[in-house]
């Protein structure tokens, strides 16, 4: 359930495109033998992608929160009256392309196992593992994932469900006590702050929405702040929150989330969210980022297997293979139509 006027903003599409490409390259750097063989040619690049590329996913969380609240509580007042219906709709919109991608991933993994033996190839799944994936519980149930990056789909769904429940509670309180019109703000600020200062500092929680709600909540709060008559005050409050969070415990993922939050807020303030200066190809990739996210591992796995099995193990050849895998992943844009972070 996304606000169309928000989802078509080129700046948001560009941010999603940059994030998506970084995640694709991060996975190419850590999975499959091509990156190991190409490593001598670009060691600094591969090291950086392996270490920091995954941090880009925080951009998706902030954007997802920003877009979801545009429909669910655009003025800070919750519109959520039927939480089960919204959660079911969300699940169905996520799961159809997701299940198709899992089938492709299992087929590609089976093909890759014929041509090479590598730790990056998922084993053939058992029935329990399949059901855990279908219900987006694979991480919570400690099941081996069938494709890289699909942990995000499960976390994104958890975040949406948690937000729906908070806003539904807010709606119930607003209905009973008309004077408590800021209850949505109070609940979101509270959980965002708790996540930033507690849950996100403990890896025990990193398979749950509580760990990531700090970033997601920043997206929600900056959307509300950008519509407020006192937006400068709220920008300063949120900036101070990030500053204090990083002073107590610096985490690059939270620094990125805070930076994206400020970009979105300032873009709304200066009216450049709809800027036509964003290149068309970035907007295109951003809108199709969910499809890329779902299929890129399968594509790169097969390309890794082909290059490893049939081509010489020379750095330049496998560097070309890495570039080919990125291009082929983008070429799979039509696989799904729901951009990641916007399936709200």
C-alpha atoms as a PDB file:
ATOM      1  CA  UNK A   1       0.000   0.000   0.000  1.00  0.00           C
ATOM      2  CA  UNK A   2       2.132   2.837  -1.196  1.00  0.00           C
ATOM      3  CA  UNK A   3       1.408   6.415  -2.004  1.00  0.00           C
ATOM      4  CA  UNK A   4       1.858   6.717  -5.751  1.00  0.00           C
ATOM      5  CA  UNK A   5       2.977  10.310  -5.561  1.00  0.00           C
ATOM      6  CA  UNK A   6       5.801   9.199  -3.259  1.00  0.00           C
ATOM      7  CA  UNK A   7       6.813   5.992  -5.036  1.00  0.00           C
ATOM      8  CA  UNK A   8       7.383   7.784  -8.334  1.00  0.00           C
ATOM      9  CA  UNK A   9       9.795  10.343  -6.898  1.00  0.00           C
ATOM     10  CA  UNK A  10      12.985  10.040  -8.972  1.00  0.00           C
ATOM     11  CA  UNK A  11      15.274  10.837  -6.032  1.00  0.00           C
ATOM     12  CA  UNK A  12      13.921   7.884  -4.063  1.00  0.00           C
ATOM     13  CA  UNK A  13      14.251   5.648  -7.119  1.00  0.00           C
ATOM     14  CA  UNK A  14      17.870   6.781  -7.524  1.00  0.00           C
ATOM     15  CA  UNK A  15      18.692   6.000  -3.881  1.00  0.00           C
ATOM     16  CA  UNK A  16      17.139   2.542  -4.225  1.00  0.00           C
ATOM     17  CA  UNK A  17      19.072   1.930  -7.444  1.00  0.00           C
ATOM     18  CA  UNK A  18      22.405   2.830  -5.829  1.00  0.00           C
ATOM     19  CA  UNK A  19      21.620   0.639  -2.829  1.00  0.00           C
ATOM     20  CA  UNK A  20      20.489  -2.271  -5.003  1.00  0.00           C
ATOM     21  CA  UNK A  21      23.637  -2.201  -7.136  1.00  0.00           C
ATOM     22  CA  UNK A  22      25.863  -2.056  -4.056  1.00  0.00           C
ATOM     23  CA  UNK A  23      24.111  -5.098  -2.573  1.00  0.00           C
ATOM     24  CA  UNK A  24      24.426  -7.038  -5.853  1.00  0.00           C
ATOM     25  CA  UNK A  25      28.162  -6.262  -6.000  1.00  0.00           C
ATOM     26  CA  UNK A  26      28.557  -7.096  -2.298  1.00  0.00           C
ATOM     27  CA  UNK A  27      27.092 -10.544  -2.882  1.00  0.00           C
ATOM     28  CA  UNK A  28      29.281 -11.066  -5.948  1.00  0.00           C
ATOM     29  CA  UNK A  29      32.308 -10.148  -3.844  1.00  0.00           C
ATOM     30  CA  UNK A  30      31.575 -12.662  -1.091  1.00  0.00           C
ATOM     31  CA  UNK A  31      29.833 -15.521  -2.950  1.00  0.00           C
ATOM     32  CA  UNK A  32      31.320 -17.688  -5.673  1.00  0.00           C
ATOM     33  CA  UNK A  33      34.875 -18.216  -6.925  1.00  0.00           C
ATOM     34  CA  UNK A  34      34.985 -15.421  -9.535  1.00  0.00           C
ATOM     35  CA  UNK A  35      35.752 -12.717  -6.982  1.00  0.00           C
ATOM     36  CA  UNK A  36      38.588 -14.798  -5.508  1.00  0.00           C
ATOM     37  CA  UNK A  37      40.159 -15.305  -8.928  1.00  0.00           C
ATOM     38  CA  UNK A  38      39.666 -11.654  -9.960  1.00  0.00           C
ATOM     39  CA  UNK A  39      40.910 -10.391  -6.581  1.00  0.00           C
ATOM     40  CA  UNK A  40      44.538  -9.622  -7.600  1.00  0.00           C
ATOM     41  CA  UNK A  41      43.302  -7.077 -10.161  1.00  0.00           C
ATOM     42  CA  UNK A  42      41.063  -5.054  -7.823  1.00  0.00           C
ATOM     43  CA  UNK A  43      41.843  -6.078  -4.226  1.00  0.00           C
ATOM     44  CA  UNK A  44      40.835  -2.755  -2.670  1.00  0.00           C
ATOM     45  CA  UNK A  45      37.466  -2.711  -4.440  1.00  0.00           C
ATOM     46  CA  UNK A  46      36.594  -6.284  -3.510  1.00  0.00           C
ATOM     47  CA  UNK A  47      37.739  -5.787   0.091  1.00  0.00           C
ATOM     48  CA  UNK A  48      35.579  -2.651   0.374  1.00  0.00           C
ATOM     49  CA  UNK A  49      32.537  -4.398  -1.096  1.00  0.00           C
ATOM     50  CA  UNK A  50      32.972  -7.372   1.215  1.00  0.00           C
ATOM     51  CA  UNK A  51      33.335  -5.199   4.313  1.00  0.00           C
ATOM     52  CA  UNK A  52      30.995  -2.278   3.669  1.00  0.00           C
ATOM     53  CA  UNK A  53      28.702  -3.162   0.764  1.00  0.00           C
ATOM     54  CA  UNK A  54      26.088  -4.735   3.023  1.00  0.00           C
ATOM     55  CA  UNK A  55      25.659  -1.477   4.943  1.00  0.00           C
ATOM     56  CA  UNK A  56      23.795  -0.087   1.938  1.00  0.00           C
ATOM     57  CA  UNK A  57      20.733  -2.102   2.921  1.00  0.00           C
ATOM     58  CA  UNK A  58      20.093   0.497   5.645  1.00  0.00           C
ATOM     59  CA  UNK A  59      19.050   2.838   2.841  1.00  0.00           C
ATOM     60  CA  UNK A  60      16.242   0.452   1.975  1.00  0.00           C
ATOM     61  CA  UNK A  61      15.013   0.365   5.569  1.00  0.00           C
ATOM     62  CA  UNK A  62      14.832   4.159   5.859  1.00  0.00           C
ATOM     63  CA  UNK A  63      13.103   4.488   2.484  1.00  0.00           C
ATOM     64  CA  UNK A  64      10.683   1.667   3.351  1.00  0.00           C
ATOM     65  CA  UNK A  65       9.617   3.427   6.541  1.00  0.00           C
ATOM     66  CA  UNK A  66       9.309   6.736   4.690  1.00  0.00           C
ATOM     67  CA  UNK A  67       7.042   5.235   2.029  1.00  0.00           C
ATOM     68  CA  UNK A  68       4.923   3.010   4.251  1.00  0.00           C
ATOM     69  CA  UNK A  69       3.808   5.795   6.562  1.00  0.00           C
ATOM     70  CA  UNK A  70       2.845   7.956   3.573  1.00  0.00           C
ATOM     71  CA  UNK A  71      -0.220   5.747   3.220  1.00  0.00           C
ATOM     72  CA  UNK A  72      -0.738   4.366   6.696  1.00  0.00           C
ATOM     73  CA  UNK A  73      -0.492   7.607   8.695  1.00  0.00           C
ATOM     74  CA  UNK A  74       0.363  10.488   6.338  1.00  0.00           C
ATOM     75  CA  UNK A  75      -0.429  13.291   8.790  1.00  0.00           C
ATOM     76  CA  UNK A  76       0.736  11.457  11.884  1.00  0.00           C
ATOM     77  CA  UNK A  77      -2.765  10.145  12.561  1.00  0.00           C
ATOM     78  CA  UNK A  78      -3.112   6.396  12.090  1.00  0.00           C
ATOM     79  CA  UNK A  79      -5.499   5.210   9.379  1.00  0.00           C
ATOM     80  CA  UNK A  80      -5.023   1.527  10.256  1.00  0.00           C
ATOM     81  CA  UNK A  81      -8.372  -0.008  11.174  1.00  0.00           C
ATOM     82  CA  UNK A  82      -8.056  -3.505   9.677  1.00  0.00           C
ATOM     83  CA  UNK A  83      -4.534  -4.724  10.491  1.00  0.00           C
ATOM     84  CA  UNK A  84      -5.086  -8.350   9.461  1.00  0.00           C
ATOM     85  CA  UNK A  85      -6.284  -7.348   5.995  1.00  0.00           C
ATOM     86  CA  UNK A  86      -3.298  -5.058   5.461  1.00  0.00           C
ATOM     87  CA  UNK A  87      -0.834  -7.688   6.675  1.00  0.00           C
ATOM     88  CA  UNK A  88      -2.384 -10.328   4.421  1.00  0.00           C
ATOM     89  CA  UNK A  89      -2.257  -8.008   1.405  1.00  0.00           C
ATOM     90  CA  UNK A  90       1.361  -7.213   2.112  1.00  0.00           C
ATOM     91  CA  UNK A  91       2.303 -10.869   2.465  1.00  0.00           C
ATOM     92  CA  UNK A  92       0.615 -11.832  -0.807  1.00  0.00           C
ATOM     93  CA  UNK A  93       2.283  -8.980  -2.697  1.00  0.00           C
ATOM     94  CA  UNK A  94       5.671 -10.040  -1.387  1.00  0.00           C
ATOM     95  CA  UNK A  95       5.294 -13.779  -1.626  1.00  0.00           C
ATOM     96  CA  UNK A  96       4.283 -14.334  -5.259  1.00  0.00           C
ATOM     97  CA  UNK A  97       7.497 -13.028  -6.886  1.00  0.00           C
ATOM     98  CA  UNK A  98       9.456 -14.296  -3.887  1.00  0.00           C
ATOM     99  CA  UNK A  99       8.297 -17.902  -4.351  1.00  0.00           C
ATOM    100  CA  UNK A 100       8.984 -17.739  -8.075  1.00  0.00           C
ATOM    101  CA  UNK A 101      12.494 -16.513  -7.264  1.00  0.00           C
ATOM    102  CA  UNK A 102      13.004 -19.390  -4.810  1.00  0.00           C
ATOM    103  CA  UNK A 103      12.091 -21.915  -7.496  1.00  0.00           C
ATOM    104  CA  UNK A 104      14.599 -20.304  -9.844  1.00  0.00           C
ATOM    105  CA  UNK A 105      17.210 -20.264  -7.080  1.00  0.00           C
ATOM    106  CA  UNK A 106      16.785 -23.977  -6.365  1.00  0.00           C
ATOM    107  CA  UNK A 107      17.065 -24.797 -10.065  1.00  0.00           C
ATOM    108  CA  UNK A 108      20.158 -22.641 -10.512  1.00  0.00           C
ATOM    109  CA  UNK A 109      21.765 -24.137  -7.405  1.00  0.00           C
ATOM    110  CA  UNK A 110      21.153 -27.651  -8.739  1.00  0.00           C
ATOM    111  CA  UNK A 111      22.742 -26.658 -12.056  1.00  0.00           C
ATOM    112  CA  UNK A 112      25.705 -25.003 -10.337  1.00  0.00           C
ATOM    113  CA  UNK A 113      26.344 -28.118  -8.250  1.00  0.00           C
ATOM    114  CA  UNK A 114      26.909 -30.053 -11.478  1.00  0.00           C
ATOM    115  CA  UNK A 115      29.724 -27.749 -12.590  1.00  0.00           C
ATOM    116  CA  UNK A 116      31.454 -26.862  -9.346  1.00  0.00           C
ATOM    117  CA  UNK A 117      31.649 -27.517  -5.645  1.00  0.00           C
ATOM    118  CA  UNK A 118      31.629 -24.335  -3.611  1.00  0.00           C
ATOM    119  CA  UNK A 119      30.465 -23.210  -0.175  1.00  0.00           C
ATOM    120  CA  UNK A 120      28.285 -20.498  -1.735  1.00  0.00           C
ATOM    121  CA  UNK A 121      25.947 -23.068  -3.352  1.00  0.00           C
ATOM    122  CA  UNK A 122      22.914 -23.829  -1.144  1.00  0.00           C
ATOM    123  CA  UNK A 123      22.202 -27.496  -0.543  1.00  0.00           C
ATOM    124  CA  UNK A 124      18.963 -29.061  -1.804  1.00  0.00           C
ATOM    125  CA  UNK A 125      16.267 -28.007   0.694  1.00  0.00           C
ATOM    126  CA  UNK A 126      14.212 -30.294   2.894  1.00  0.00           C
ATOM    127  CA  UNK A 127      10.466 -29.896   3.411  1.00  0.00           C
ATOM    128  CA  UNK A 128      10.755 -28.044   6.729  1.00  0.00           C
ATOM    129  CA  UNK A 129      13.254 -25.629   5.197  1.00  0.00           C
ATOM    130  CA  UNK A 130      10.865 -24.924   2.313  1.00  0.00           C
ATOM    131  CA  UNK A 131       7.963 -24.188   4.647  1.00  0.00           C
ATOM    132  CA  UNK A 132      10.178 -21.912   6.739  1.00  0.00           C
ATOM    133  CA  UNK A 133      11.002 -19.929   3.589  1.00  0.00           C
ATOM    134  CA  UNK A 134       7.379 -19.808   2.428  1.00  0.00           C
ATOM    135  CA  UNK A 135       6.318 -18.223   5.719  1.00  0.00           C
ATOM    136  CA  UNK A 136       9.411 -15.965   5.868  1.00  0.00           C
ATOM    137  CA  UNK A 137      10.637 -17.661   9.046  1.00  0.00           C
ATOM    138  CA  UNK A 138      13.901 -19.127   7.735  1.00  0.00           C
ATOM    139  CA  UNK A 139      16.175 -16.929   9.851  1.00  0.00           C
ATOM    140  CA  UNK A 140      14.064 -17.153  12.987  1.00  0.00           C
ATOM    141  CA  UNK A 141      14.092 -20.952  12.658  1.00  0.00           C
ATOM    142  CA  UNK A 142      17.827 -21.033  11.841  1.00  0.00           C
ATOM    143  CA  UNK A 143      17.368 -22.586   8.409  1.00  0.00           C
ATOM    144  CA  UNK A 144      19.984 -22.275   5.676  1.00  0.00           C
ATOM    145  CA  UNK A 145      18.801 -19.654   3.196  1.00  0.00           C
ATOM    146  CA  UNK A 146      18.158 -20.709  -0.390  1.00  0.00           C
ATOM    147  CA  UNK A 147      19.254 -17.407  -1.906  1.00  0.00           C
ATOM    148  CA  UNK A 148      21.426 -14.520  -0.771  1.00  0.00           C
ATOM    149  CA  UNK A 149      19.660 -11.430   0.472  1.00  0.00           C
ATOM    150  CA  UNK A 150      16.213 -12.903   1.048  1.00  0.00           C
ATOM    151  CA  UNK A 151      16.671 -12.271   4.758  1.00  0.00           C
ATOM    152  CA  UNK A 152      15.713  -8.702   3.853  1.00  0.00           C
ATOM    153  CA  UNK A 153      12.301  -9.790   2.579  1.00  0.00           C
ATOM    154  CA  UNK A 154      11.562 -11.474   5.922  1.00  0.00           C
ATOM    155  CA  UNK A 155      12.798  -8.486   7.939  1.00  0.00           C
ATOM    156  CA  UNK A 156      10.903  -6.038   5.728  1.00  0.00           C
ATOM    157  CA  UNK A 157       7.712  -8.008   6.346  1.00  0.00           C
ATOM    158  CA  UNK A 158       8.372  -8.091  10.095  1.00  0.00           C
ATOM    159  CA  UNK A 159       8.916  -4.325  10.102  1.00  0.00           C
ATOM    160  CA  UNK A 160       5.678  -3.765   8.224  1.00  0.00           C
ATOM    161  CA  UNK A 161       3.735  -5.996  10.620  1.00  0.00           C
ATOM    162  CA  UNK A 162       5.251  -4.269  13.649  1.00  0.00           C
ATOM    163  CA  UNK A 163       4.408  -0.846  12.216  1.00  0.00           C
ATOM    164  CA  UNK A 164       0.859  -1.925  11.410  1.00  0.00           C
ATOM    165  CA  UNK A 165       0.366  -3.127  14.979  1.00  0.00           C
ATOM    166  CA  UNK A 166       1.737   0.112  16.452  1.00  0.00           C
ATOM    167  CA  UNK A 167      -0.474   2.217  14.201  1.00  0.00           C
ATOM    168  CA  UNK A 168      -3.514   0.037  14.894  1.00  0.00           C
ATOM    169  CA  UNK A 169      -2.988   0.508  18.623  1.00  0.00           C
ATOM    170  CA  UNK A 170      -2.647   4.225  17.977  1.00  0.00           C
ATOM    171  CA  UNK A 171      -5.891   4.247  16.009  1.00  0.00           C
ATOM    172  CA  UNK A 172      -7.729   2.484  18.832  1.00  0.00           C
ATOM    173  CA  UNK A 173      -6.438   5.003  21.373  1.00  0.00           C
ATOM    174  CA  UNK A 174      -7.249   7.935  19.082  1.00  0.00           C
ATOM    175  CA  UNK A 175     -10.799   6.639  18.721  1.00  0.00           C
ATOM    176  CA  UNK A 176     -11.305   6.268  22.468  1.00  0.00           C
ATOM    177  CA  UNK A 177      -9.432   9.411  23.520  1.00  0.00           C
ATOM    178  CA  UNK A 178      -9.668  12.134  20.889  1.00  0.00           C
ATOM    179  CA  UNK A 179      -7.241  14.315  22.803  1.00  0.00           C
ATOM    180  CA  UNK A 180      -4.367  11.858  22.278  1.00  0.00           C
ATOM    181  CA  UNK A 181      -3.654  12.715  18.650  1.00  0.00           C
ATOM    182  CA  UNK A 182       0.110  12.341  19.050  1.00  0.00           C
ATOM    183  CA  UNK A 183       0.027   8.718  20.207  1.00  0.00           C
ATOM    184  CA  UNK A 184       1.381   7.442  16.851  1.00  0.00           C
ATOM    185  CA  UNK A 185       4.339   9.790  17.168  1.00  0.00           C
ATOM    186  CA  UNK A 186       4.952   8.751  20.775  1.00  0.00           C
ATOM    187  CA  UNK A 187       4.946   5.025  19.952  1.00  0.00           C
ATOM    188  CA  UNK A 188       7.163   5.328  16.864  1.00  0.00           C
ATOM    189  CA  UNK A 189       9.650   7.659  18.569  1.00  0.00           C
ATOM    190  CA  UNK A 190       9.812   5.346  21.577  1.00  0.00           C
ATOM    191  CA  UNK A 191      10.467   2.140  19.634  1.00  0.00           C
ATOM    192  CA  UNK A 192      12.900   3.888  17.265  1.00  0.00           C
ATOM    193  CA  UNK A 193      14.905   5.188  20.217  1.00  0.00           C
ATOM    194  CA  UNK A 194      14.872   1.834  22.021  1.00  0.00           C
ATOM    195  CA  UNK A 195      16.021   0.093  18.844  1.00  0.00           C
ATOM    196  CA  UNK A 196      18.873   2.549  18.270  1.00  0.00           C
ATOM    197  CA  UNK A 197      20.141   2.450  21.842  1.00  0.00           C
ATOM    198  CA  UNK A 198      19.483  -1.171  22.767  1.00  0.00           C
ATOM    199  CA  UNK A 199      18.335  -3.720  20.166  1.00  0.00           C
ATOM    200  CA  UNK A 200      20.628  -2.523  17.365  1.00  0.00           C
ATOM    201  CA  UNK A 201      23.650  -2.765  19.640  1.00  0.00           C
ATOM    202  CA  UNK A 202      23.112  -6.473  20.347  1.00  0.00           C
ATOM    203  CA  UNK A 203      23.532  -8.968  17.489  1.00  0.00           C
ATOM    204  CA  UNK A 204      21.249 -11.382  19.358  1.00  0.00           C
ATOM    205  CA  UNK A 205      18.319  -9.436  17.881  1.00  0.00           C
ATOM    206  CA  UNK A 206      19.593  -9.166  14.298  1.00  0.00           C
ATOM    207  CA  UNK A 207      17.095 -11.722  12.969  1.00  0.00           C
ATOM    208  CA  UNK A 208      14.166  -9.623  14.181  1.00  0.00           C
ATOM    209  CA  UNK A 209      12.527  -6.345  13.204  1.00  0.00           C
ATOM    210  CA  UNK A 210      13.484  -4.860  16.577  1.00  0.00           C
ATOM    211  CA  UNK A 211      17.133  -4.716  15.494  1.00  0.00           C
ATOM    212  CA  UNK A 212      16.328  -2.723  12.351  1.00  0.00           C
ATOM    213  CA  UNK A 213      13.422  -0.602  13.530  1.00  0.00           C
ATOM    214  CA  UNK A 214      15.802   2.240  14.356  1.00  0.00           C
ATOM    215  CA  UNK A 215      16.482   2.786  10.650  1.00  0.00           C
ATOM    216  CA  UNK A 216      12.888   2.079   9.609  1.00  0.00           C
ATOM    217  CA  UNK A 217      11.566   4.421  12.283  1.00  0.00           C
ATOM    218  CA  UNK A 218      13.883   7.206  11.130  1.00  0.00           C
ATOM    219  CA  UNK A 219      12.226   6.975   7.721  1.00  0.00           C
ATOM    220  CA  UNK A 220       8.782   7.268   9.309  1.00  0.00           C
ATOM    221  CA  UNK A 221       9.775  10.176  11.513  1.00  0.00           C
ATOM    222  CA  UNK A 222      11.475  12.183   8.770  1.00  0.00           C
ATOM    223  CA  UNK A 223       8.351  11.840   6.625  1.00  0.00           C
ATOM    224  CA  UNK A 224       6.223  13.276   9.419  1.00  0.00           C
ATOM    225  CA  UNK A 225       8.844  15.936  10.164  1.00  0.00           C
ATOM    226  CA  UNK A 226       8.932  17.068   6.533  1.00  0.00           C
ATOM    227  CA  UNK A 227       5.179  17.824   6.706  1.00  0.00           C
ATOM    228  CA  UNK A 228       5.275  19.563  10.062  1.00  0.00           C
ATOM    229  CA  UNK A 229       4.960  23.320  10.495  1.00  0.00           C
ATOM    230  CA  UNK A 230       7.938  22.981  12.828  1.00  0.00           C
ATOM    231  CA  UNK A 231      10.016  20.881  10.467  1.00  0.00           C
ATOM    232  CA  UNK A 232      13.316  22.636  11.275  1.00  0.00           C
ATOM    233  CA  UNK A 233      12.825  21.850  14.957  1.00  0.00           C
ATOM    234  CA  UNK A 234      12.101  18.190  14.190  1.00  0.00           C
ATOM    235  CA  UNK A 235      15.064  17.962  11.803  1.00  0.00           C
ATOM    236  CA  UNK A 236      17.285  19.185  14.628  1.00  0.00           C
ATOM    237  CA  UNK A 237      15.755  16.699  17.081  1.00  0.00           C
ATOM    238  CA  UNK A 238      16.293  13.774  14.728  1.00  0.00           C
ATOM    239  CA  UNK A 239      19.823  14.905  13.865  1.00  0.00           C
ATOM    240  CA  UNK A 240      20.605  15.160  17.574  1.00  0.00           C
ATOM    241  CA  UNK A 241      19.206  11.668  18.115  1.00  0.00           C
ATOM    242  CA  UNK A 242      21.558  10.273  15.464  1.00  0.00           C
ATOM    243  CA  UNK A 243      24.515  12.237  16.851  1.00  0.00           C
ATOM    244  CA  UNK A 244      23.955  10.934  20.384  1.00  0.00           C
ATOM    245  CA  UNK A 245      23.416   7.385  19.109  1.00  0.00           C
ATOM    246  CA  UNK A 246      26.709   7.415  17.201  1.00  0.00           C
ATOM    247  CA  UNK A 247      28.576   9.097  20.052  1.00  0.00           C
ATOM    248  CA  UNK A 248      27.570   6.341  22.450  1.00  0.00           C
ATOM    249  CA  UNK A 249      28.279   3.524  19.983  1.00  0.00           C
ATOM    250  CA  UNK A 250      29.398   4.343  16.455  1.00  0.00           C
ATOM    251  CA  UNK A 251      27.894   1.990  13.879  1.00  0.00           C
ATOM    252  CA  UNK A 252      28.384   2.627  10.178  1.00  0.00           C
ATOM    253  CA  UNK A 253      24.930   1.189   9.448  1.00  0.00           C
ATOM    254  CA  UNK A 254      23.288   3.830  11.662  1.00  0.00           C
ATOM    255  CA  UNK A 255      25.471   6.575  10.182  1.00  0.00           C
ATOM    256  CA  UNK A 256      24.230   5.566   6.715  1.00  0.00           C
ATOM    257  CA  UNK A 257      20.628   5.443   7.933  1.00  0.00           C
ATOM    258  CA  UNK A 258      20.990   8.887   9.464  1.00  0.00           C
ATOM    259  CA  UNK A 259      22.502  10.267   6.277  1.00  0.00           C
ATOM    260  CA  UNK A 260      19.675   8.901   4.125  1.00  0.00           C
ATOM    261  CA  UNK A 261      17.137  10.257   6.602  1.00  0.00           C
ATOM    262  CA  UNK A 262      18.603  13.754   6.236  1.00  0.00           C
ATOM    263  CA  UNK A 263      18.717  13.460   2.441  1.00  0.00           C
ATOM    264  CA  UNK A 264      15.019  12.606   2.338  1.00  0.00           C
ATOM    265  CA  UNK A 265      14.087  15.324   4.791  1.00  0.00           C
ATOM    266  CA  UNK A 266      16.106  18.047   3.067  1.00  0.00           C
ATOM    267  CA  UNK A 267      14.871  16.936  -0.344  1.00  0.00           C
ATOM    268  CA  UNK A 268      11.283  17.373   0.813  1.00  0.00           C
ATOM    269  CA  UNK A 269      12.133  20.708   2.438  1.00  0.00           C
ATOM    270  CA  UNK A 270      13.793  22.139  -0.674  1.00  0.00           C
ATOM    271  CA  UNK A 271      11.302  20.564  -3.079  1.00  0.00           C
ATOM    272  CA  UNK A 272      13.803  18.492  -5.050  1.00  0.00           C
ATOM    273  CA  UNK A 273      12.260  15.076  -4.411  1.00  0.00           C
ATOM    274  CA  UNK A 274      10.757  15.137  -7.913  1.00  0.00           C
ATOM    275  CA  UNK A 275      13.970  16.394  -9.535  1.00  0.00           C
ATOM    276  CA  UNK A 276      14.188  15.596 -13.240  1.00  0.00           C
ATOM    277  CA  UNK A 277      17.991  15.610 -13.017  1.00  0.00           C
ATOM    278  CA  UNK A 278      18.025  11.964 -11.891  1.00  0.00           C
ATOM    279  CA  UNK A 279      19.180   9.809 -14.842  1.00  0.00           C
ATOM    280  CA  UNK A 280      16.401   7.699 -16.311  1.00  0.00           C
ATOM    281  CA  UNK A 281      18.343   4.460 -15.971  1.00  0.00           C
ATOM    282  CA  UNK A 282      18.672   4.993 -12.201  1.00  0.00           C
ATOM    283  CA  UNK A 283      14.932   5.533 -11.881  1.00  0.00           C
ATOM    284  CA  UNK A 284      14.360   2.375 -13.911  1.00  0.00           C
ATOM    285  CA  UNK A 285      16.684   0.274 -11.774  1.00  0.00           C
ATOM    286  CA  UNK A 286      15.222   1.731  -8.593  1.00  0.00           C
ATOM    287  CA  UNK A 287      11.663   0.864  -9.583  1.00  0.00           C
ATOM    288  CA  UNK A 288      12.702  -2.704 -10.435  1.00  0.00           C
ATOM    289  CA  UNK A 289      15.047  -3.194  -7.489  1.00  0.00           C
ATOM    290  CA  UNK A 290      12.888  -5.905  -5.901  1.00  0.00           C
ATOM    291  CA  UNK A 291      13.131  -8.074  -9.002  1.00  0.00           C
ATOM    292  CA  UNK A 292      16.891  -7.543  -9.147  1.00  0.00           C
ATOM    293  CA  UNK A 293      17.185  -8.335  -5.476  1.00  0.00           C
ATOM    294  CA  UNK A 294      15.283 -11.593  -5.908  1.00  0.00           C
ATOM    295  CA  UNK A 295      17.031 -12.985  -8.977  1.00  0.00           C
ATOM    296  CA  UNK A 296      20.583 -11.651  -8.858  1.00  0.00           C
ATOM    297  CA  UNK A 297      22.000 -14.442  -6.702  1.00  0.00           C
ATOM    298  CA  UNK A 298      20.635 -17.161  -8.987  1.00  0.00           C
ATOM    299  CA  UNK A 299      22.046 -15.407 -12.050  1.00  0.00           C
ATOM    300  CA  UNK A 300      25.448 -14.813 -10.485  1.00  0.00           C
ATOM    301  CA  UNK A 301      25.596 -18.386  -9.186  1.00  0.00           C
ATOM    302  CA  UNK A 302      25.160 -19.846 -12.677  1.00  0.00           C
ATOM    303  CA  UNK A 303      27.646 -17.390 -14.202  1.00  0.00           C
ATOM    304  CA  UNK A 304      30.144 -18.259 -11.455  1.00  0.00           C
ATOM    305  CA  UNK A 305      29.710 -21.963 -12.201  1.00  0.00           C
ATOM    306  CA  UNK A 306      30.080 -21.521 -15.981  1.00  0.00           C
ATOM    307  CA  UNK A 307      33.201 -19.388 -15.690  1.00  0.00           C
ATOM    308  CA  UNK A 308      34.750 -21.682 -13.086  1.00  0.00           C
ATOM    309  CA  UNK A 309      34.012 -24.871 -15.013  1.00  0.00           C
ATOM    310  CA  UNK A 310      34.582 -23.876 -18.638  1.00  0.00           C
ATOM    311  CA  UNK A 311      36.971 -20.901 -18.711  1.00  0.00           C
ATOM    312  CA  UNK A 312      40.610 -20.426 -17.663  1.00  0.00           C
ATOM    313  CA  UNK A 313      41.157 -19.286 -14.106  1.00  0.00           C
ATOM    314  CA  UNK A 314      42.655 -15.952 -15.110  1.00  0.00           C
ATOM    315  CA  UNK A 315      41.912 -12.742 -13.204  1.00  0.00           C
ATOM    316  CA  UNK A 316      40.917 -10.658 -16.218  1.00  0.00           C
ATOM    317  CA  UNK A 317      38.472 -13.294 -17.473  1.00  0.00           C
ATOM    318  CA  UNK A 318      36.758 -13.612 -14.093  1.00  0.00           C
ATOM    319  CA  UNK A 319      36.666  -9.839 -13.641  1.00  0.00           C
ATOM    320  CA  UNK A 320      34.706  -9.761 -16.873  1.00  0.00           C
ATOM    321  CA  UNK A 321      32.501 -12.478 -15.379  1.00  0.00           C
ATOM    322  CA  UNK A 322      31.744 -10.267 -12.383  1.00  0.00           C
ATOM    323  CA  UNK A 323      30.756  -7.395 -14.656  1.00  0.00           C
ATOM    324  CA  UNK A 324      28.662  -9.761 -16.756  1.00  0.00           C
ATOM    325  CA  UNK A 325      26.840 -10.974 -13.634  1.00  0.00           C
ATOM    326  CA  UNK A 326      25.970  -7.394 -12.637  1.00  0.00           C
ATOM    327  CA  UNK A 327      24.692  -6.669 -16.139  1.00  0.00           C
ATOM    328  CA  UNK A 328      22.745  -9.915 -16.316  1.00  0.00           C
ATOM    329  CA  UNK A 329      21.133  -9.204 -12.929  1.00  0.00           C
ATOM    330  CA  UNK A 330      19.943  -5.832 -14.174  1.00  0.00           C
ATOM    331  CA  UNK A 331      18.758  -7.573 -17.325  1.00  0.00           C
ATOM    332  CA  UNK A 332      16.346  -9.564 -15.153  1.00  0.00           C
ATOM    333  CA  UNK A 333      14.379  -6.422 -14.323  1.00  0.00           C
ATOM    334  CA  UNK A 334      11.105  -7.742 -15.692  1.00  0.00           C
ATOM    335  CA  UNK A 335      11.094 -10.753 -13.385  1.00  0.00           C
ATOM    336  CA  UNK A 336       9.148  -8.892 -10.707  1.00  0.00           C
ATOM    337  CA  UNK A 337       7.358  -5.596 -10.633  1.00  0.00           C
ATOM    338  CA  UNK A 338       7.403  -4.601  -6.953  1.00  0.00           C
ATOM    339  CA  UNK A 339      10.370  -2.396  -6.028  1.00  0.00           C
ATOM    340  CA  UNK A 340      11.986  -3.363  -2.777  1.00  0.00           C
ATOM    341  CA  UNK A 341      11.294  -0.999   0.080  1.00  0.00           C
ATOM    342  CA  UNK A 342       8.079   0.166  -1.603  1.00  0.00           C
ATOM    343  CA  UNK A 343       5.869  -2.865  -1.361  1.00  0.00           C
ATOM    344  CA  UNK A 344       3.770  -1.179   1.266  1.00  0.00           C
END
